[in-house]
Amino acid sequence: MRETAATLSPAETQSLKQAAAAHAATLVVAGMAVGLGHGSTAVAVVPALAERFRRGELTGTVFVPAAHFMAEALRRHGLPVGSLDDWPVLDLGIDGADEIDGNLDCIKGGGGALLYEKIVAQAARRFVLVADAGKLSPRLGTRHAVPVEVTPAALAPVTGFITEIGGNPALRLRPDGDPMRTERGNVILDCAFGPLADPAALAAVLDARAGIAGHGLFIGMASLACVAGPDGVRELTRPVNETIAG
């Protein structure tokens, strides 16, 4: 997997996000139930979907958002919004990522909606990542900490646990200095493990710990990534020896 050095301006990065998002929007067809994540790249998919919807290309399609922010964006663009109560199995899930490795495993949760994003991703028969090429990484944890969502009552013991396993946890704060809260009222620890030799093993350790409501390691979920770089948008597929979690 090629990488792009972090030399692009914010405007250039945004342009790449929009290009990747527009490409991903072409994967949606009429009648689908489509899950959408929370981050800025996922939100960039919405205008492209809205344009196709207005042209009559997405009749019967419904969109299931992973967060209120995405639901509001969909409604502003006149797109039909559903929920997992009515569509517990989705045809397609589309979301951004903070860091993506060569297996299309990724770290997510920079926007704080990691638990709901993972619920939506796991409900999808096919999960697609959308990103600019700067998100590509030789190994997860090289460029981004692992977000861990924690039940507030368990914050102290979970912080100690993650410290013991080498995570160097830092409580995510709002600009006013108070802990950032998720939509479920949980808090987030950003855990700097460094480059991960075995992301799946770490995910299993975190999954087994009481008090951890979710974490940002998305392992074995994505089958495709739409990645935009200076040379255009590429479709990266999961290596054939890698299985997709279901």
Protein backbone atom coordinates (compact mmCIF):
# COMPACT_ATOMS: atom_id res chain seq x y z
CA MET A 1 0.00 0.00 0.00
CA ARG A 2 1.42 3.33 -1.05
CA GLU A 3 1.43 6.25 1.31
CA THR A 4 1.14 9.99 0.83
CA ALA A 5 3.29 12.32 2.90
CA ALA A 6 1.42 14.82 5.03
CA THR A 7 2.32 17.76 2.76
CA LEU A 8 -1.13 18.68 1.50
CA SER A 9 -2.90 21.84 2.55
CA PRO A 10 -6.25 21.59 4.37
CA ALA A 11 -8.00 22.68 1.19
CA GLU A 12 -6.24 19.99 -0.84
CA THR A 13 -7.07 17.36 1.77
CA GLN A 14 -10.74 18.41 1.72
CA SER A 15 -10.76 18.17 -2.06
CA LEU A 16 -9.43 14.62 -1.85
CA LYS A 17 -12.07 13.70 0.73
CA GLN A 18 -14.78 14.98 -1.58
CA ALA A 19 -13.36 13.01 -4.51
CA ALA A 20 -13.27 9.79 -2.49
CA ALA A 21 -16.77 10.46 -1.18
CA ALA A 22 -18.18 11.07 -4.66
CA HIS A 23 -16.67 7.77 -5.81
CA ALA A 24 -18.15 5.88 -2.86
CA ALA A 25 -21.58 7.36 -3.59
CA THR A 26 -21.60 5.53 -6.93
CA LEU A 27 -21.69 2.20 -5.04
CA VAL A 28 -25.22 2.93 -3.77
CA VAL A 29 -28.09 1.62 -5.90
CA ALA A 30 -31.86 2.02 -5.74
CA GLY A 31 -33.63 0.14 -2.97
CA MET A 32 -30.60 -0.27 -0.71
CA ALA A 33 -30.49 0.27 3.03
CA VAL A 34 -27.24 2.17 3.53
CA GLY A 35 -25.43 2.86 6.80
CA LEU A 36 -23.38 6.03 7.11
CA GLY A 37 -20.81 6.91 9.77
CA HIS A 38 -20.08 10.16 11.54
CA GLY A 39 -16.80 11.69 10.39
CA SER A 40 -16.15 14.52 7.95
CA THR A 41 -15.37 12.16 5.07
CA ALA A 42 -18.58 10.20 5.59
CA VAL A 43 -20.56 13.44 5.69
CA ALA A 44 -18.93 14.43 2.39
CA VAL A 45 -20.75 11.49 0.76
CA VAL A 46 -24.14 13.07 1.51
CA PRO A 47 -24.21 15.80 -1.20
CA ALA A 48 -23.28 13.26 -3.87
CA LEU A 49 -26.03 10.93 -2.68
CA ALA A 50 -28.51 13.80 -2.60
CA GLU A 51 -27.73 14.71 -6.20
CA ARG A 52 -28.32 11.13 -7.33
CA PHE A 53 -31.53 11.00 -5.26
CA ARG A 54 -32.83 14.17 -6.94
CA ARG A 55 -32.11 12.61 -10.35
CA GLY A 56 -34.30 9.64 -9.42
CA GLU A 57 -31.42 7.16 -9.33
CA LEU A 58 -31.94 6.06 -5.71
CA THR A 59 -35.66 5.37 -5.52
CA GLY A 60 -36.49 3.31 -2.43
CA THR A 61 -33.07 3.84 -0.84
CA VAL A 62 -32.99 4.58 2.88
CA PHE A 63 -30.05 5.84 4.93
CA VAL A 64 -29.25 4.74 8.47
CA PRO A 65 -26.95 7.19 10.30
CA ALA A 66 -24.52 6.28 13.07
CA ALA A 67 -24.98 9.61 14.87
CA HIS A 68 -27.36 12.56 15.20
CA PHE A 69 -24.90 14.75 13.30
CA MET A 70 -25.18 12.50 10.22
CA ALA A 71 -28.96 12.23 10.58
CA GLU A 72 -29.20 16.03 10.48
CA ALA A 73 -26.97 16.19 7.40
CA LEU A 74 -29.14 13.64 5.60
CA ARG A 75 -32.35 15.49 6.45
CA ARG A 76 -30.91 18.83 5.32
CA HIS A 77 -30.31 17.26 1.91
CA GLY A 78 -33.78 15.76 1.71
CA LEU A 79 -32.68 12.13 2.03
CA PRO A 80 -34.83 9.49 3.79
CA VAL A 81 -33.52 8.54 7.23
CA GLY A 82 -34.13 5.17 8.85
CA SER A 83 -32.95 3.26 11.88
CA LEU A 84 -31.58 -0.17 12.71
CA ASP A 85 -34.90 -0.97 14.38
CA ASP A 86 -36.47 -1.08 10.93
CA TRP A 87 -33.38 -2.11 8.93
CA PRO A 88 -31.31 -4.37 11.22
CA VAL A 89 -29.41 -5.70 8.19
CA LEU A 90 -27.93 -3.11 5.84
CA ASP A 91 -26.91 -3.68 2.24
CA LEU A 92 -23.97 -1.30 2.46
CA GLY A 93 -22.08 0.70 5.06
CA ILE A 94 -19.89 3.70 4.19
CA ASP A 95 -17.61 5.47 6.64
CA GLY A 96 -14.34 7.32 6.95
CA ALA A 97 -11.31 6.28 8.99
CA ASP A 98 -8.47 7.89 10.91
CA GLU A 99 -5.85 5.32 9.88
CA ILE A 100 -6.02 2.38 7.44
CA ASP A 101 -3.51 -0.45 7.03
CA GLY A 102 -2.83 -2.83 4.15
CA ASN A 103 -5.51 -5.30 5.31
CA LEU A 104 -8.12 -2.49 5.35
CA ASP A 105 -8.25 -2.78 9.12
CA CYS A 106 -8.59 0.69 10.54
CA ILE A 107 -8.72 2.99 13.55
CA LYS A 108 -11.85 5.08 13.89
CA GLY A 109 -13.41 7.25 16.55
CA GLY A 110 -11.73 10.61 16.18
CA GLY A 111 -15.20 12.16 16.09
CA GLY A 112 -16.36 10.28 19.18
CA ALA A 113 -19.07 8.08 17.61
CA LEU A 114 -17.01 4.88 17.52
CA LEU A 115 -19.53 2.61 19.25
CA TYR A 116 -22.47 3.51 17.01
CA GLU A 117 -20.21 3.51 13.95
CA LYS A 118 -19.14 -0.05 14.71
CA ILE A 119 -22.74 -1.16 15.30
CA VAL A 120 -23.68 0.19 11.87
CA ALA A 121 -20.60 -1.30 10.22
CA GLN A 122 -21.30 -4.74 11.65
CA ALA A 123 -24.92 -4.55 10.48
CA ALA A 124 -23.79 -4.04 6.87
CA ARG A 125 -23.33 -6.90 4.44
CA ARG A 126 -20.59 -4.84 2.80
CA PHE A 127 -18.55 -2.17 4.56
CA VAL A 128 -16.62 0.42 2.55
CA LEU A 129 -14.06 2.93 3.81
CA VAL A 130 -13.68 6.41 2.30
CA ALA A 131 -10.47 8.35 2.86
CA ASP A 132 -7.77 10.58 1.49
CA ALA A 133 -4.43 8.87 0.89
CA GLY A 134 -2.92 10.52 3.96
CA LYS A 135 -4.87 8.03 6.10
CA LEU A 136 -2.93 5.06 4.72
CA SER A 137 -0.45 3.55 7.15
CA PRO A 138 2.05 0.68 7.18
CA ARG A 139 0.80 -0.36 10.63
CA LEU A 140 -2.14 0.76 12.77
CA GLY A 141 -1.13 2.93 15.69
CA THR A 142 1.74 4.54 13.78
CA ARG A 143 -0.14 7.81 13.31
CA HIS A 144 -3.21 7.63 15.50
CA ALA A 145 -4.08 6.65 19.05
CA VAL A 146 -6.76 4.02 19.63
CA PRO A 147 -9.96 5.60 21.03
CA VAL A 148 -11.54 3.55 23.82
CA GLU A 149 -15.06 4.40 24.99
CA VAL A 150 -15.45 3.85 28.73
CA THR A 151 -18.40 3.76 31.11
CA PRO A 152 -17.70 6.64 33.55
CA ALA A 153 -17.95 4.41 36.64
CA ALA A 154 -15.12 2.28 35.25
CA LEU A 155 -12.83 5.13 34.21
CA ALA A 156 -10.22 4.71 36.96
CA PRO A 157 -9.80 0.91 36.71
CA VAL A 158 -9.89 0.93 32.90
CA THR A 159 -7.30 3.72 32.81
CA GLY A 160 -5.06 1.62 35.03
CA PHE A 161 -5.67 -1.49 32.92
CA ILE A 162 -4.78 0.26 29.67
CA THR A 163 -1.67 1.74 31.26
CA GLU A 164 -0.60 -1.78 32.30
CA ILE A 165 -0.91 -3.09 28.75
CA GLY A 166 1.08 -0.19 27.30
CA GLY A 167 -1.67 2.10 26.04
CA ASN A 168 -0.62 5.44 27.57
CA PRO A 169 -4.27 6.59 27.91
CA ALA A 170 -5.31 10.24 27.83
CA LEU A 171 -8.84 11.37 28.67
CA ARG A 172 -10.36 13.24 25.74
CA LEU A 173 -11.43 16.72 26.84
CA ARG A 174 -13.72 19.39 25.44
CA PRO A 175 -12.34 22.88 24.79
CA ASP A 176 -13.66 23.96 28.21
CA GLY A 177 -11.59 21.25 29.92
CA ASP A 178 -14.47 18.93 30.83
CA PRO A 179 -14.43 15.33 29.59
CA MET A 180 -15.96 14.86 26.16
CA ARG A 181 -19.10 12.72 26.37
CA THR A 182 -20.46 10.39 23.72
CA GLU A 183 -24.15 10.21 22.83
CA ARG A 184 -24.43 7.45 25.45
CA GLY A 185 -22.81 9.62 28.14
CA ASN A 186 -19.56 7.68 28.10
CA VAL A 187 -16.05 9.14 28.05
CA ILE A 188 -13.18 8.42 25.68
CA LEU A 189 -9.58 7.51 26.39
CA ASP A 190 -7.18 8.09 23.50
CA CYS A 191 -4.64 5.30 23.93
CA ALA A 192 -1.22 5.69 22.31
CA PHE A 193 -0.08 2.09 21.99
CA GLY A 194 2.28 2.92 19.14
CA PRO A 195 2.53 0.72 16.02
CA LEU A 196 0.50 -2.42 16.64
CA ALA A 197 2.08 -5.77 15.84
CA ASP A 198 -1.28 -7.55 16.22
CA PRO A 199 -4.32 -5.24 16.11
CA ALA A 200 -6.76 -8.19 16.30
CA ALA A 201 -5.18 -9.42 19.53
CA LEU A 202 -5.44 -5.98 21.11
CA ALA A 203 -9.06 -5.70 19.97
CA ALA A 204 -9.84 -8.99 21.70
CA VAL A 205 -8.21 -7.82 24.94
CA LEU A 206 -10.22 -4.60 24.92
CA ASP A 207 -13.45 -6.41 24.04
CA ALA A 208 -13.03 -8.66 27.07
CA ARG A 209 -12.63 -5.86 29.63
CA ALA A 210 -15.72 -4.85 31.61
CA GLY A 211 -16.28 -1.10 31.56
CA ILE A 212 -15.09 -0.70 27.98
CA ALA A 213 -18.17 0.08 25.91
CA GLY A 214 -16.29 0.04 22.62
CA HIS A 215 -13.01 0.80 20.91
CA GLY A 216 -11.84 2.22 17.62
CA LEU A 217 -10.16 -0.87 16.17
CA PHE A 218 -12.27 -2.02 13.23
CA ILE A 219 -10.78 -5.39 12.38
CA GLY A 220 -11.88 -7.60 9.51
CA MET A 221 -14.85 -5.42 8.58
CA ALA A 222 -14.01 -3.50 5.40
CA SER A 223 -13.89 -5.21 2.02
CA LEU A 224 -13.15 -2.07 0.00
CA ALA A 225 -11.58 1.36 0.49
CA CYS A 226 -12.10 4.31 -1.85
CA VAL A 227 -8.91 6.33 -1.41
CA ALA A 228 -8.23 9.65 -3.14
CA GLY A 229 -4.74 10.95 -3.79
CA PRO A 230 -3.07 13.35 -6.21
CA ASP A 231 -3.26 10.61 -8.87
CA GLY A 232 -7.02 10.14 -8.52
CA VAL A 233 -9.30 7.76 -6.63
CA ARG A 234 -8.23 4.16 -6.20
CA GLU A 235 -10.27 1.20 -5.00
CA LEU A 236 -8.25 -0.87 -2.54
CA THR A 237 -9.54 -4.34 -1.74
CA ARG A 238 -8.88 -6.56 1.25
CA PRO A 239 -6.19 -9.19 0.57
CA VAL A 240 -7.70 -12.51 -0.45
CA ASN A 241 -6.23 -14.32 2.57
CA GLU A 242 -8.06 -11.99 4.95
CA THR A 243 -11.58 -12.84 6.08
CA ILE A 244 -14.38 -10.35 6.65
CA ALA A 245 -15.95 -10.29 10.09
CA GLY A 246 -19.68 -10.83 10.01
